N, C-alpha and C. Protein backbone atom coordinates (compact mmCIF):
# COMPACT_ATOMS: atom_id res chain seq x y z
N UNK A 1 -24.29 51.24 -101.91
CA UNK A 1 -23.79 51.20 -103.27
C UNK A 1 -24.21 52.46 -104.05
N UNK A 2 -25.42 52.90 -103.82
CA UNK A 2 -25.92 54.07 -104.55
C UNK A 2 -25.13 55.33 -104.19
N UNK A 3 -24.74 55.44 -102.91
CA UNK A 3 -24.01 56.63 -102.48
C UNK A 3 -22.66 56.73 -103.19
N UNK A 4 -22.10 55.56 -103.61
CA UNK A 4 -20.80 55.56 -104.28
C UNK A 4 -20.89 56.10 -105.71
N UNK A 5 -22.03 55.87 -106.35
CA UNK A 5 -22.12 56.18 -107.79
C UNK A 5 -23.18 57.24 -108.12
N UNK A 6 -23.79 57.85 -107.12
CA UNK A 6 -24.89 58.79 -107.40
C UNK A 6 -24.43 60.04 -108.15
N UNK A 7 -23.12 60.36 -108.06
CA UNK A 7 -22.61 61.53 -108.77
C UNK A 7 -22.20 61.23 -110.20
N UNK A 8 -22.19 59.92 -110.57
CA UNK A 8 -21.75 59.54 -111.91
C UNK A 8 -22.85 59.80 -112.93
N UNK A 9 -22.43 60.30 -114.10
CA UNK A 9 -23.38 60.54 -115.18
C UNK A 9 -23.20 59.54 -116.31
N UNK A 10 -22.12 58.76 -116.26
CA UNK A 10 -21.84 57.76 -117.29
C UNK A 10 -21.79 56.38 -116.62
N UNK A 11 -22.41 55.42 -117.28
CA UNK A 11 -22.47 54.07 -116.71
C UNK A 11 -21.09 53.45 -116.53
N UNK A 12 -20.19 53.75 -117.44
CA UNK A 12 -18.85 53.18 -117.35
C UNK A 12 -18.13 53.66 -116.09
N UNK A 13 -18.30 54.93 -115.75
CA UNK A 13 -17.66 55.44 -114.54
C UNK A 13 -18.23 54.76 -113.29
N UNK A 14 -19.54 54.58 -113.29
CA UNK A 14 -20.18 53.89 -112.15
C UNK A 14 -19.66 52.46 -112.04
N UNK A 15 -19.52 51.81 -113.17
CA UNK A 15 -19.02 50.43 -113.18
C UNK A 15 -17.59 50.35 -112.64
N UNK A 16 -16.75 51.26 -113.04
CA UNK A 16 -15.36 51.25 -112.58
C UNK A 16 -15.28 51.47 -111.07
N UNK A 17 -16.14 52.34 -110.56
CA UNK A 17 -16.14 52.58 -109.11
C UNK A 17 -16.57 51.33 -108.35
N UNK A 18 -17.61 50.71 -108.81
CA UNK A 18 -18.09 49.50 -108.14
C UNK A 18 -17.08 48.36 -108.25
N UNK A 19 -16.46 48.26 -109.40
CA UNK A 19 -15.46 47.22 -109.62
C UNK A 19 -14.27 47.40 -108.69
N UNK A 20 -13.80 48.62 -108.59
CA UNK A 20 -12.66 48.91 -107.72
C UNK A 20 -13.01 48.67 -106.26
N UNK A 21 -14.25 49.03 -105.89
CA UNK A 21 -14.68 48.84 -104.50
C UNK A 21 -14.72 47.38 -104.12
N UNK A 22 -15.22 46.54 -104.99
CA UNK A 22 -15.39 45.13 -104.66
C UNK A 22 -14.11 44.30 -104.90
N UNK A 23 -13.38 44.64 -105.93
CA UNK A 23 -12.20 43.85 -106.28
C UNK A 23 -10.91 44.49 -105.79
N UNK A 24 -10.94 45.77 -105.49
CA UNK A 24 -9.74 46.46 -105.09
C UNK A 24 -8.95 46.96 -106.29
N UNK A 25 -7.88 47.66 -106.04
CA UNK A 25 -7.02 48.14 -107.12
C UNK A 25 -6.27 46.97 -107.72
N UNK A 26 -5.51 47.22 -108.78
CA UNK A 26 -4.76 46.17 -109.47
C UNK A 26 -3.73 45.52 -108.54
N UNK A 27 -3.05 46.34 -107.73
CA UNK A 27 -2.03 45.81 -106.83
C UNK A 27 -2.67 44.93 -105.74
N UNK A 28 -3.80 45.40 -105.21
CA UNK A 28 -4.49 44.63 -104.18
C UNK A 28 -5.00 43.32 -104.75
N UNK A 29 -5.55 43.38 -105.94
CA UNK A 29 -6.05 42.17 -106.59
C UNK A 29 -4.93 41.18 -106.85
N UNK A 30 -3.79 41.68 -107.31
CA UNK A 30 -2.64 40.81 -107.57
C UNK A 30 -2.16 40.13 -106.29
N UNK A 31 -2.17 40.85 -105.19
CA UNK A 31 -1.75 40.30 -103.90
C UNK A 31 -2.72 39.22 -103.44
N UNK A 32 -4.01 39.47 -103.65
CA UNK A 32 -5.02 38.48 -103.26
C UNK A 32 -4.88 37.20 -104.08
N UNK A 33 -4.62 37.36 -105.38
CA UNK A 33 -4.47 36.19 -106.25
C UNK A 33 -3.25 35.37 -105.83
N UNK A 34 -2.17 36.06 -105.54
CA UNK A 34 -0.95 35.36 -105.11
C UNK A 34 -1.17 34.61 -103.80
N UNK A 35 -1.88 35.24 -102.88
CA UNK A 35 -2.17 34.61 -101.60
C UNK A 35 -3.06 33.38 -101.77
N UNK A 36 -4.06 33.50 -102.63
CA UNK A 36 -4.96 32.37 -102.87
C UNK A 36 -4.25 31.23 -103.59
N UNK A 37 -3.36 31.56 -104.52
CA UNK A 37 -2.59 30.52 -105.22
C UNK A 37 -1.70 29.74 -104.24
N UNK A 38 -1.08 30.46 -103.33
CA UNK A 38 -0.23 29.79 -102.33
C UNK A 38 -1.07 28.89 -101.43
N UNK A 39 -2.21 29.40 -101.01
CA UNK A 39 -3.11 28.61 -100.17
C UNK A 39 -3.63 27.39 -100.92
N UNK A 40 -3.92 27.58 -102.20
CA UNK A 40 -4.43 26.51 -103.04
C UNK A 40 -3.40 25.39 -103.21
N UNK A 41 -2.15 25.77 -103.48
CA UNK A 41 -1.10 24.79 -103.70
C UNK A 41 -0.71 24.05 -102.42
N UNK A 42 -0.79 24.71 -101.29
CA UNK A 42 -0.41 24.09 -100.01
C UNK A 42 -1.51 23.23 -99.42
N UNK A 43 -2.70 23.33 -99.98
CA UNK A 43 -3.83 22.57 -99.44
C UNK A 43 -3.67 21.08 -99.75
N UNK A 44 -3.73 20.25 -98.71
CA UNK A 44 -3.63 18.80 -98.87
C UNK A 44 -4.60 18.11 -97.92
N UNK A 45 -4.98 16.89 -98.31
CA UNK A 45 -5.83 16.09 -97.44
C UNK A 45 -4.94 15.33 -96.47
N UNK A 46 -5.19 15.50 -95.17
CA UNK A 46 -4.39 14.82 -94.15
C UNK A 46 -4.77 13.34 -94.08
N UNK A 47 -3.89 12.56 -93.45
CA UNK A 47 -4.12 11.11 -93.36
C UNK A 47 -5.42 10.78 -92.65
N UNK A 48 -5.77 11.58 -91.65
CA UNK A 48 -6.99 11.31 -90.89
C UNK A 48 -8.14 12.23 -91.31
N UNK A 49 -7.96 12.95 -92.43
CA UNK A 49 -9.00 13.85 -92.90
C UNK A 49 -10.03 13.13 -93.75
N UNK A 50 -11.16 13.79 -94.00
CA UNK A 50 -12.23 13.20 -94.81
C UNK A 50 -12.33 13.91 -96.15
N UNK A 51 -12.79 13.17 -97.14
CA UNK A 51 -12.96 13.73 -98.48
C UNK A 51 -13.96 14.88 -98.48
N UNK A 52 -15.02 14.74 -97.71
CA UNK A 52 -16.06 15.77 -97.67
C UNK A 52 -15.50 17.10 -97.17
N UNK A 53 -14.74 17.08 -96.08
CA UNK A 53 -14.15 18.31 -95.55
C UNK A 53 -13.15 18.92 -96.53
N UNK A 54 -12.37 18.05 -97.16
CA UNK A 54 -11.39 18.53 -98.13
C UNK A 54 -12.08 19.18 -99.33
N UNK A 55 -13.18 18.59 -99.76
CA UNK A 55 -13.94 19.15 -100.87
C UNK A 55 -14.45 20.55 -100.53
N UNK A 56 -14.93 20.74 -99.33
CA UNK A 56 -15.42 22.06 -98.91
C UNK A 56 -14.30 23.09 -98.89
N UNK A 57 -13.11 22.67 -98.47
CA UNK A 57 -11.96 23.59 -98.47
C UNK A 57 -11.58 24.01 -99.89
N UNK A 58 -11.62 23.05 -100.82
CA UNK A 58 -11.34 23.36 -102.22
C UNK A 58 -12.37 24.35 -102.77
N UNK A 59 -13.64 24.14 -102.45
CA UNK A 59 -14.70 25.02 -102.94
C UNK A 59 -14.56 26.43 -102.36
N UNK A 60 -14.13 26.53 -101.11
CA UNK A 60 -13.94 27.85 -100.50
C UNK A 60 -12.90 28.66 -101.27
N UNK A 61 -11.80 28.02 -101.63
CA UNK A 61 -10.75 28.72 -102.37
C UNK A 61 -11.23 29.08 -103.77
N UNK A 62 -11.93 28.13 -104.41
CA UNK A 62 -12.47 28.40 -105.75
C UNK A 62 -13.44 29.58 -105.73
N UNK A 63 -14.27 29.67 -104.71
CA UNK A 63 -15.20 30.79 -104.59
C UNK A 63 -14.46 32.11 -104.32
N UNK A 64 -13.35 32.01 -103.59
CA UNK A 64 -12.56 33.23 -103.33
C UNK A 64 -11.93 33.74 -104.63
N UNK A 65 -11.47 32.84 -105.47
CA UNK A 65 -10.95 33.23 -106.78
C UNK A 65 -12.05 33.91 -107.60
N UNK A 66 -13.23 33.33 -107.57
CA UNK A 66 -14.34 33.86 -108.36
C UNK A 66 -14.75 35.25 -107.89
N UNK A 67 -14.65 35.49 -106.58
CA UNK A 67 -15.08 36.79 -106.04
C UNK A 67 -14.18 37.94 -106.48
N UNK A 68 -12.95 37.63 -106.88
CA UNK A 68 -12.04 38.69 -107.36
C UNK A 68 -11.88 38.64 -108.88
N UNK A 69 -12.76 37.89 -109.53
CA UNK A 69 -12.78 37.88 -110.98
C UNK A 69 -11.87 36.86 -111.64
N UNK A 70 -11.31 35.93 -110.87
CA UNK A 70 -10.43 34.89 -111.41
C UNK A 70 -11.21 33.59 -111.52
N UNK A 71 -11.14 32.99 -112.69
CA UNK A 71 -11.85 31.74 -112.92
C UNK A 71 -10.94 30.55 -112.65
N UNK A 72 -11.47 29.55 -111.96
CA UNK A 72 -10.72 28.31 -111.73
C UNK A 72 -11.37 27.21 -112.57
N UNK A 73 -10.61 26.65 -113.47
CA UNK A 73 -11.15 25.63 -114.36
C UNK A 73 -11.30 24.30 -113.63
N UNK A 74 -12.32 23.54 -114.02
CA UNK A 74 -12.62 22.28 -113.35
C UNK A 74 -11.47 21.29 -113.46
N UNK A 75 -10.76 21.29 -114.60
CA UNK A 75 -9.63 20.36 -114.76
C UNK A 75 -8.53 20.68 -113.76
N UNK A 76 -8.32 21.98 -113.50
CA UNK A 76 -7.32 22.38 -112.52
C UNK A 76 -7.69 21.89 -111.12
N UNK A 77 -8.95 21.99 -110.77
CA UNK A 77 -9.42 21.53 -109.46
C UNK A 77 -9.31 20.01 -109.35
N UNK A 78 -9.68 19.30 -110.42
CA UNK A 78 -9.62 17.84 -110.40
C UNK A 78 -8.19 17.36 -110.22
N UNK A 79 -7.26 17.95 -110.97
CA UNK A 79 -5.85 17.54 -110.88
C UNK A 79 -5.26 17.90 -109.52
N UNK A 80 -5.69 19.03 -108.96
CA UNK A 80 -5.22 19.42 -107.64
C UNK A 80 -5.67 18.42 -106.58
N UNK A 81 -6.93 18.02 -106.64
CA UNK A 81 -7.45 17.06 -105.66
C UNK A 81 -6.72 15.73 -105.77
N UNK A 82 -6.49 15.26 -106.99
CA UNK A 82 -5.86 13.96 -107.21
C UNK A 82 -4.42 13.94 -106.68
N UNK A 83 -3.67 14.98 -106.94
CA UNK A 83 -2.25 14.97 -106.55
C UNK A 83 -2.03 15.31 -105.07
N UNK A 84 -3.07 15.73 -104.36
CA UNK A 84 -2.91 16.10 -102.95
C UNK A 84 -3.57 15.10 -102.00
N UNK A 85 -3.85 13.90 -102.51
CA UNK A 85 -4.47 12.88 -101.66
C UNK A 85 -3.40 12.06 -100.94
N UNK A 86 -3.69 11.54 -99.75
CA UNK A 86 -2.72 10.70 -99.03
C UNK A 86 -2.58 9.33 -99.68
N UNK A 87 -1.65 8.53 -99.16
CA UNK A 87 -1.30 7.25 -99.77
C UNK A 87 -2.45 6.25 -99.78
N UNK A 88 -3.36 6.37 -98.85
CA UNK A 88 -4.44 5.38 -98.78
C UNK A 88 -5.35 5.44 -100.01
N UNK A 89 -5.24 6.51 -100.80
CA UNK A 89 -6.04 6.64 -102.02
C UNK A 89 -5.24 6.28 -103.28
N UNK A 90 -4.02 5.79 -103.13
CA UNK A 90 -3.16 5.51 -104.29
C UNK A 90 -3.82 4.56 -105.29
N UNK A 91 -4.48 3.52 -104.77
CA UNK A 91 -5.11 2.54 -105.65
C UNK A 91 -6.20 3.19 -106.51
N UNK A 92 -7.01 4.02 -105.88
CA UNK A 92 -8.10 4.67 -106.61
C UNK A 92 -7.57 5.71 -107.59
N UNK A 93 -6.54 6.45 -107.18
CA UNK A 93 -5.96 7.46 -108.06
C UNK A 93 -5.38 6.82 -109.30
N UNK A 94 -4.71 5.67 -109.12
CA UNK A 94 -4.15 4.95 -110.27
C UNK A 94 -5.25 4.53 -111.23
N UNK A 95 -6.35 4.03 -110.70
CA UNK A 95 -7.47 3.60 -111.55
C UNK A 95 -8.06 4.78 -112.32
N UNK A 96 -8.16 5.94 -111.66
CA UNK A 96 -8.71 7.13 -112.32
C UNK A 96 -7.78 7.61 -113.43
N UNK A 97 -6.48 7.59 -113.16
CA UNK A 97 -5.52 8.03 -114.18
C UNK A 97 -5.52 7.09 -115.38
N UNK A 98 -5.66 5.78 -115.11
CA UNK A 98 -5.68 4.82 -116.20
C UNK A 98 -6.93 4.97 -117.07
N UNK A 99 -7.99 5.51 -116.48
CA UNK A 99 -9.21 5.71 -117.25
C UNK A 99 -9.05 6.81 -118.31
N UNK A 100 -8.08 7.74 -118.06
CA UNK A 100 -7.70 8.76 -119.03
C UNK A 100 -8.87 9.69 -119.44
N UNK A 101 -9.67 10.07 -118.48
CA UNK A 101 -10.72 11.05 -118.78
C UNK A 101 -10.75 12.14 -117.71
N UNK A 102 -9.57 12.46 -117.17
CA UNK A 102 -9.47 13.50 -116.15
C UNK A 102 -9.90 14.84 -116.71
N UNK A 103 -9.54 15.12 -117.96
CA UNK A 103 -9.83 16.42 -118.55
C UNK A 103 -11.33 16.69 -118.66
N UNK A 104 -12.12 15.63 -118.73
CA UNK A 104 -13.57 15.80 -118.86
C UNK A 104 -14.32 15.46 -117.57
N UNK A 105 -13.59 15.10 -116.52
CA UNK A 105 -14.23 14.72 -115.27
C UNK A 105 -14.65 15.95 -114.47
N UNK A 106 -15.82 15.89 -113.88
CA UNK A 106 -16.31 16.96 -113.04
C UNK A 106 -15.81 16.76 -111.60
N UNK A 107 -15.72 17.86 -110.88
CA UNK A 107 -15.25 17.80 -109.50
C UNK A 107 -16.19 16.96 -108.65
N UNK A 108 -17.49 17.15 -108.79
CA UNK A 108 -18.47 16.38 -108.02
C UNK A 108 -18.37 14.89 -108.33
N UNK A 109 -18.10 14.57 -109.58
CA UNK A 109 -17.96 13.17 -109.98
C UNK A 109 -16.75 12.54 -109.31
N UNK A 110 -15.63 13.26 -109.31
CA UNK A 110 -14.41 12.77 -108.66
C UNK A 110 -14.63 12.59 -107.16
N UNK A 111 -15.26 13.56 -106.53
CA UNK A 111 -15.51 13.48 -105.09
C UNK A 111 -16.39 12.27 -104.77
N UNK A 112 -17.37 11.98 -105.62
CA UNK A 112 -18.22 10.81 -105.41
C UNK A 112 -17.42 9.52 -105.45
N UNK A 113 -16.50 9.38 -106.43
CA UNK A 113 -15.66 8.19 -106.51
C UNK A 113 -14.81 8.04 -105.25
N UNK A 114 -14.21 9.14 -104.82
CA UNK A 114 -13.32 9.11 -103.67
C UNK A 114 -14.06 8.82 -102.37
N UNK A 115 -15.27 9.34 -102.24
CA UNK A 115 -16.05 9.08 -101.03
C UNK A 115 -16.46 7.61 -100.94
N UNK A 116 -16.85 7.02 -102.06
CA UNK A 116 -17.18 5.59 -102.07
C UNK A 116 -15.98 4.74 -101.70
N UNK A 117 -14.82 5.10 -102.23
CA UNK A 117 -13.60 4.38 -101.91
C UNK A 117 -13.23 4.55 -100.44
N UNK A 118 -13.41 5.77 -99.92
CA UNK A 118 -13.11 6.05 -98.52
C UNK A 118 -13.98 5.21 -97.59
N UNK A 119 -15.26 5.10 -97.91
CA UNK A 119 -16.18 4.31 -97.09
C UNK A 119 -15.77 2.84 -97.09
N UNK A 120 -15.38 2.32 -98.25
CA UNK A 120 -14.97 0.92 -98.36
C UNK A 120 -13.72 0.66 -97.54
N UNK A 121 -12.73 1.54 -97.65
CA UNK A 121 -11.47 1.36 -96.90
C UNK A 121 -11.71 1.44 -95.41
N UNK A 122 -12.50 2.42 -94.97
CA UNK A 122 -12.78 2.56 -93.53
C UNK A 122 -13.54 1.36 -92.99
N UNK A 123 -14.44 0.80 -93.79
CA UNK A 123 -15.21 -0.37 -93.37
C UNK A 123 -14.30 -1.57 -93.17
N UNK A 124 -13.37 -1.79 -94.10
CA UNK A 124 -12.44 -2.91 -93.98
C UNK A 124 -11.52 -2.73 -92.80
N UNK A 125 -11.07 -1.49 -92.56
CA UNK A 125 -10.18 -1.22 -91.43
C UNK A 125 -10.88 -1.48 -90.11
N UNK A 126 -12.15 -1.06 -89.99
CA UNK A 126 -12.91 -1.29 -88.75
C UNK A 126 -13.10 -2.78 -88.49
N UNK A 127 -13.43 -3.55 -89.54
CA UNK A 127 -13.62 -4.99 -89.37
C UNK A 127 -12.32 -5.67 -88.96
N UNK A 128 -11.22 -5.25 -89.57
CA UNK A 128 -9.92 -5.83 -89.23
C UNK A 128 -9.54 -5.53 -87.80
N UNK A 129 -9.79 -4.27 -87.38
CA UNK A 129 -9.46 -3.89 -86.00
C UNK A 129 -10.28 -4.66 -84.99
N UNK A 130 -11.59 -4.83 -85.27
CA UNK A 130 -12.44 -5.59 -84.35
C UNK A 130 -12.03 -7.05 -84.30
N UNK A 131 -11.61 -7.61 -85.45
CA UNK A 131 -11.17 -9.01 -85.47
C UNK A 131 -9.93 -9.24 -84.64
N UNK A 132 -8.98 -8.30 -84.74
CA UNK A 132 -7.75 -8.41 -83.96
C UNK A 132 -8.05 -8.30 -82.48
N UNK A 133 -8.92 -7.35 -82.11
CA UNK A 133 -9.28 -7.17 -80.70
C UNK A 133 -9.98 -8.41 -80.17
N UNK A 134 -10.88 -9.01 -80.97
CA UNK A 134 -11.61 -10.20 -80.53
C UNK A 134 -10.67 -11.38 -80.34
N UNK A 135 -9.74 -11.57 -81.28
CA UNK A 135 -8.77 -12.67 -81.18
C UNK A 135 -7.88 -12.51 -79.98
N UNK A 136 -7.43 -11.28 -79.73
CA UNK A 136 -6.56 -11.02 -78.58
C UNK A 136 -7.30 -11.31 -77.29
N UNK A 137 -8.57 -10.93 -77.23
CA UNK A 137 -9.37 -11.18 -76.03
C UNK A 137 -9.53 -12.67 -75.78
N UNK A 138 -9.78 -13.44 -76.85
CA UNK A 138 -9.94 -14.89 -76.70
C UNK A 138 -8.64 -15.53 -76.24
N UNK A 139 -7.53 -15.14 -76.85
CA UNK A 139 -6.23 -15.69 -76.48
C UNK A 139 -5.92 -15.40 -75.03
N UNK A 140 -6.25 -14.18 -74.57
CA UNK A 140 -5.97 -13.82 -73.19
C UNK A 140 -6.82 -14.64 -72.24
N UNK A 141 -8.12 -14.80 -72.58
CA UNK A 141 -9.01 -15.57 -71.72
C UNK A 141 -8.58 -17.02 -71.65
N UNK A 142 -8.17 -17.60 -72.81
CA UNK A 142 -7.75 -18.99 -72.81
C UNK A 142 -6.46 -19.17 -72.01
N UNK A 143 -5.52 -18.24 -72.17
CA UNK A 143 -4.27 -18.33 -71.43
C UNK A 143 -4.51 -18.22 -69.94
N UNK A 144 -5.38 -17.26 -69.58
CA UNK A 144 -5.69 -17.08 -68.17
C UNK A 144 -6.41 -18.31 -67.62
N UNK A 145 -7.33 -18.87 -68.42
CA UNK A 145 -8.05 -20.06 -67.99
C UNK A 145 -7.13 -21.24 -67.81
N UNK A 146 -6.20 -21.46 -68.75
CA UNK A 146 -5.26 -22.56 -68.64
C UNK A 146 -4.36 -22.40 -67.42
N UNK A 147 -3.95 -21.16 -67.15
CA UNK A 147 -3.10 -20.91 -66.00
C UNK A 147 -3.84 -21.22 -64.70
N UNK A 148 -5.11 -20.81 -64.65
CA UNK A 148 -5.90 -21.08 -63.46
C UNK A 148 -6.15 -22.58 -63.29
N UNK A 149 -6.37 -23.29 -64.39
CA UNK A 149 -6.58 -24.74 -64.32
C UNK A 149 -5.32 -25.44 -63.80
N UNK A 150 -4.15 -25.00 -64.28
CA UNK A 150 -2.90 -25.60 -63.81
C UNK A 150 -2.69 -25.37 -62.33
N UNK A 151 -3.03 -24.17 -61.86
CA UNK A 151 -2.88 -23.88 -60.43
C UNK A 151 -3.83 -24.74 -59.60
N UNK A 152 -5.07 -24.88 -60.06
CA UNK A 152 -6.05 -25.71 -59.34
C UNK A 152 -5.59 -27.16 -59.30
N UNK A 153 -5.06 -27.66 -60.42
CA UNK A 153 -4.59 -29.04 -60.46
C UNK A 153 -3.42 -29.26 -59.52
N UNK A 154 -2.49 -28.31 -59.50
CA UNK A 154 -1.33 -28.44 -58.63
C UNK A 154 -1.75 -28.46 -57.16
N UNK A 155 -2.69 -27.55 -56.80
CA UNK A 155 -3.15 -27.52 -55.41
C UNK A 155 -3.87 -28.82 -55.04
N UNK A 156 -4.67 -29.35 -55.95
CA UNK A 156 -5.41 -30.58 -55.67
C UNK A 156 -4.45 -31.76 -55.47
N UNK A 157 -3.45 -31.85 -56.34
CA UNK A 157 -2.49 -32.95 -56.23
C UNK A 157 -1.65 -32.83 -54.95
N UNK A 158 -1.30 -31.60 -54.60
CA UNK A 158 -0.54 -31.40 -53.37
C UNK A 158 -1.37 -31.82 -52.15
N UNK A 159 -2.65 -31.45 -52.13
CA UNK A 159 -3.54 -31.84 -51.03
C UNK A 159 -3.72 -33.34 -50.98
N UNK A 160 -3.87 -33.97 -52.17
CA UNK A 160 -4.02 -35.41 -52.22
C UNK A 160 -2.78 -36.12 -51.69
N UNK A 161 -1.61 -35.57 -52.01
CA UNK A 161 -0.37 -36.17 -51.52
C UNK A 161 -0.27 -36.10 -50.00
N UNK A 162 -0.68 -34.97 -49.42
CA UNK A 162 -0.63 -34.84 -47.97
C UNK A 162 -1.59 -35.82 -47.30
N UNK A 163 -2.81 -35.92 -47.86
CA UNK A 163 -3.78 -36.86 -47.28
C UNK A 163 -3.31 -38.31 -47.41
N UNK A 164 -2.71 -38.64 -48.53
CA UNK A 164 -2.20 -39.99 -48.74
C UNK A 164 -1.10 -40.32 -47.73
N UNK A 165 -0.29 -39.32 -47.44
CA UNK A 165 0.79 -39.50 -46.47
C UNK A 165 0.24 -39.73 -45.07
N UNK A 166 -0.83 -38.96 -44.71
CA UNK A 166 -1.43 -39.11 -43.39
C UNK A 166 -2.06 -40.49 -43.23
N UNK A 167 -2.68 -41.01 -44.32
CA UNK A 167 -3.31 -42.34 -44.24
C UNK A 167 -2.27 -43.40 -43.94
N UNK A 168 -1.11 -43.32 -44.60
CA UNK A 168 -0.06 -44.31 -44.36
C UNK A 168 0.49 -44.24 -42.94
N UNK A 169 0.50 -43.00 -42.41
CA UNK A 169 1.01 -42.85 -41.05
C UNK A 169 0.08 -43.48 -40.01
N UNK A 170 -1.23 -43.62 -40.36
CA UNK A 170 -2.19 -44.19 -39.42
C UNK A 170 -2.04 -45.71 -39.28
N UNK A 171 -1.52 -46.31 -40.31
CA UNK A 171 -1.36 -47.77 -40.27
C UNK A 171 -0.04 -48.13 -39.62
N UNK A 172 -0.13 -49.10 -38.76
CA UNK A 172 1.08 -49.57 -38.12
C UNK A 172 1.65 -50.71 -38.95
N UNK A 173 2.69 -50.41 -39.71
CA UNK A 173 3.27 -51.45 -40.59
C UNK A 173 4.61 -51.91 -40.05
N UNK A 174 4.81 -51.70 -38.74
CA UNK A 174 6.08 -52.12 -38.15
C UNK A 174 6.22 -53.64 -38.11
N UNK A 175 5.07 -54.40 -38.10
CA UNK A 175 5.14 -55.85 -37.99
C UNK A 175 5.29 -56.53 -39.35
N UNK A 176 5.19 -55.71 -40.43
CA UNK A 176 5.37 -56.29 -41.75
C UNK A 176 6.84 -56.51 -42.01
N UNK A 177 7.16 -57.50 -42.83
CA UNK A 177 8.59 -57.74 -43.17
C UNK A 177 9.18 -56.49 -43.79
N UNK A 178 10.35 -56.16 -43.27
CA UNK A 178 11.04 -54.96 -43.74
C UNK A 178 10.14 -53.72 -43.67
N UNK A 179 9.27 -53.72 -42.68
CA UNK A 179 8.30 -52.61 -42.55
C UNK A 179 8.97 -51.27 -42.36
N UNK A 180 10.07 -51.26 -41.62
CA UNK A 180 10.75 -50.00 -41.35
C UNK A 180 11.29 -49.39 -42.65
N UNK A 181 11.84 -50.25 -43.47
CA UNK A 181 12.39 -49.75 -44.75
C UNK A 181 11.29 -49.26 -45.68
N UNK A 182 10.15 -50.02 -45.68
CA UNK A 182 9.04 -49.60 -46.54
C UNK A 182 8.52 -48.24 -46.12
N UNK A 183 8.29 -48.11 -44.80
CA UNK A 183 7.77 -46.83 -44.31
C UNK A 183 8.76 -45.70 -44.57
N UNK A 184 10.01 -45.98 -44.40
CA UNK A 184 11.03 -44.96 -44.63
C UNK A 184 11.05 -44.53 -46.09
N UNK A 185 10.93 -45.51 -46.99
CA UNK A 185 10.92 -45.18 -48.43
C UNK A 185 9.67 -44.39 -48.83
N UNK A 186 8.51 -44.78 -48.27
CA UNK A 186 7.27 -44.07 -48.59
C UNK A 186 7.33 -42.64 -48.11
N UNK A 187 7.81 -42.44 -46.87
CA UNK A 187 7.91 -41.09 -46.32
C UNK A 187 8.81 -40.21 -47.17
N UNK A 188 9.94 -40.79 -47.59
CA UNK A 188 10.86 -40.02 -48.42
C UNK A 188 10.23 -39.65 -49.76
N UNK A 189 9.52 -40.62 -50.36
CA UNK A 189 8.90 -40.37 -51.66
C UNK A 189 7.80 -39.32 -51.56
N UNK A 190 6.96 -39.41 -50.51
CA UNK A 190 5.89 -38.44 -50.35
C UNK A 190 6.44 -37.06 -50.03
N UNK A 191 7.54 -37.01 -49.29
CA UNK A 191 8.16 -35.72 -48.99
C UNK A 191 8.64 -35.05 -50.27
N UNK A 192 9.19 -35.89 -51.18
CA UNK A 192 9.63 -35.34 -52.47
C UNK A 192 8.44 -34.83 -53.27
N UNK A 193 7.33 -35.59 -53.25
CA UNK A 193 6.15 -35.17 -53.99
C UNK A 193 5.61 -33.85 -53.44
N UNK A 194 5.60 -33.70 -52.10
CA UNK A 194 5.13 -32.46 -51.49
C UNK A 194 5.99 -31.28 -51.93
N UNK A 195 7.30 -31.53 -51.99
CA UNK A 195 8.20 -30.44 -52.38
C UNK A 195 7.95 -30.01 -53.81
N UNK A 196 7.69 -30.99 -54.68
CA UNK A 196 7.42 -30.67 -56.11
C UNK A 196 6.14 -29.88 -56.24
N UNK A 197 5.09 -30.34 -55.55
CA UNK A 197 3.80 -29.68 -55.70
C UNK A 197 3.80 -28.30 -55.06
N UNK A 198 4.39 -28.19 -53.85
CA UNK A 198 4.40 -26.92 -53.14
C UNK A 198 5.21 -25.87 -53.86
N UNK A 199 6.27 -26.29 -54.54
CA UNK A 199 7.15 -25.33 -55.23
C UNK A 199 6.68 -25.02 -56.64
N UNK A 200 5.59 -25.68 -57.09
CA UNK A 200 5.05 -25.41 -58.41
C UNK A 200 5.83 -26.09 -59.51
N UNK A 201 6.69 -27.05 -59.20
CA UNK A 201 7.49 -27.73 -60.24
C UNK A 201 6.69 -28.86 -60.83
N UNK A 202 7.08 -29.26 -62.02
CA UNK A 202 6.46 -30.42 -62.69
C UNK A 202 7.54 -31.41 -63.01
N UNK A 203 7.21 -32.69 -62.90
CA UNK A 203 8.21 -33.73 -63.07
C UNK A 203 8.36 -34.02 -64.55
């Protein structure tokens, strides 16, 4: 810095040199301001973004304005943050606007309100997601359990039917009145039962 102004004999000349060095000429400064304004207006909080990260981005631009001699008023920053929030903050934004003290609100104060709201919303979303996952898991386990119980019951009944049929075949009922017809009817009935159980049908 000293090498830039060591030839100056008047403080004003030294000041102008340092000012031009740090801020640039008028055209360069105007270009920087325009670029920062565009960046400032296009800055938005994404749906999956956090308030803390967005706050840091806003501060970076505000500091860039300050470095070239442009002041950013707190009300401008507050209104920018409010209008660039995603829909999940609509409820909080409405409450802040209804309070009607945006003009006197500090940026840090606004960020604190939004962070508290963000934590509450994220907490409710996590609980809801875990509840849905838990319910789905229970429903799946119960459905699977019921299906397995039905299969076990069907197999048991089919086995019981086969054993019952074998027992009747061991007895000689040919000497009973109408024994042939009885045996014929039993065999037919048990054959039907076997077909129902083996095919997985229910009567």
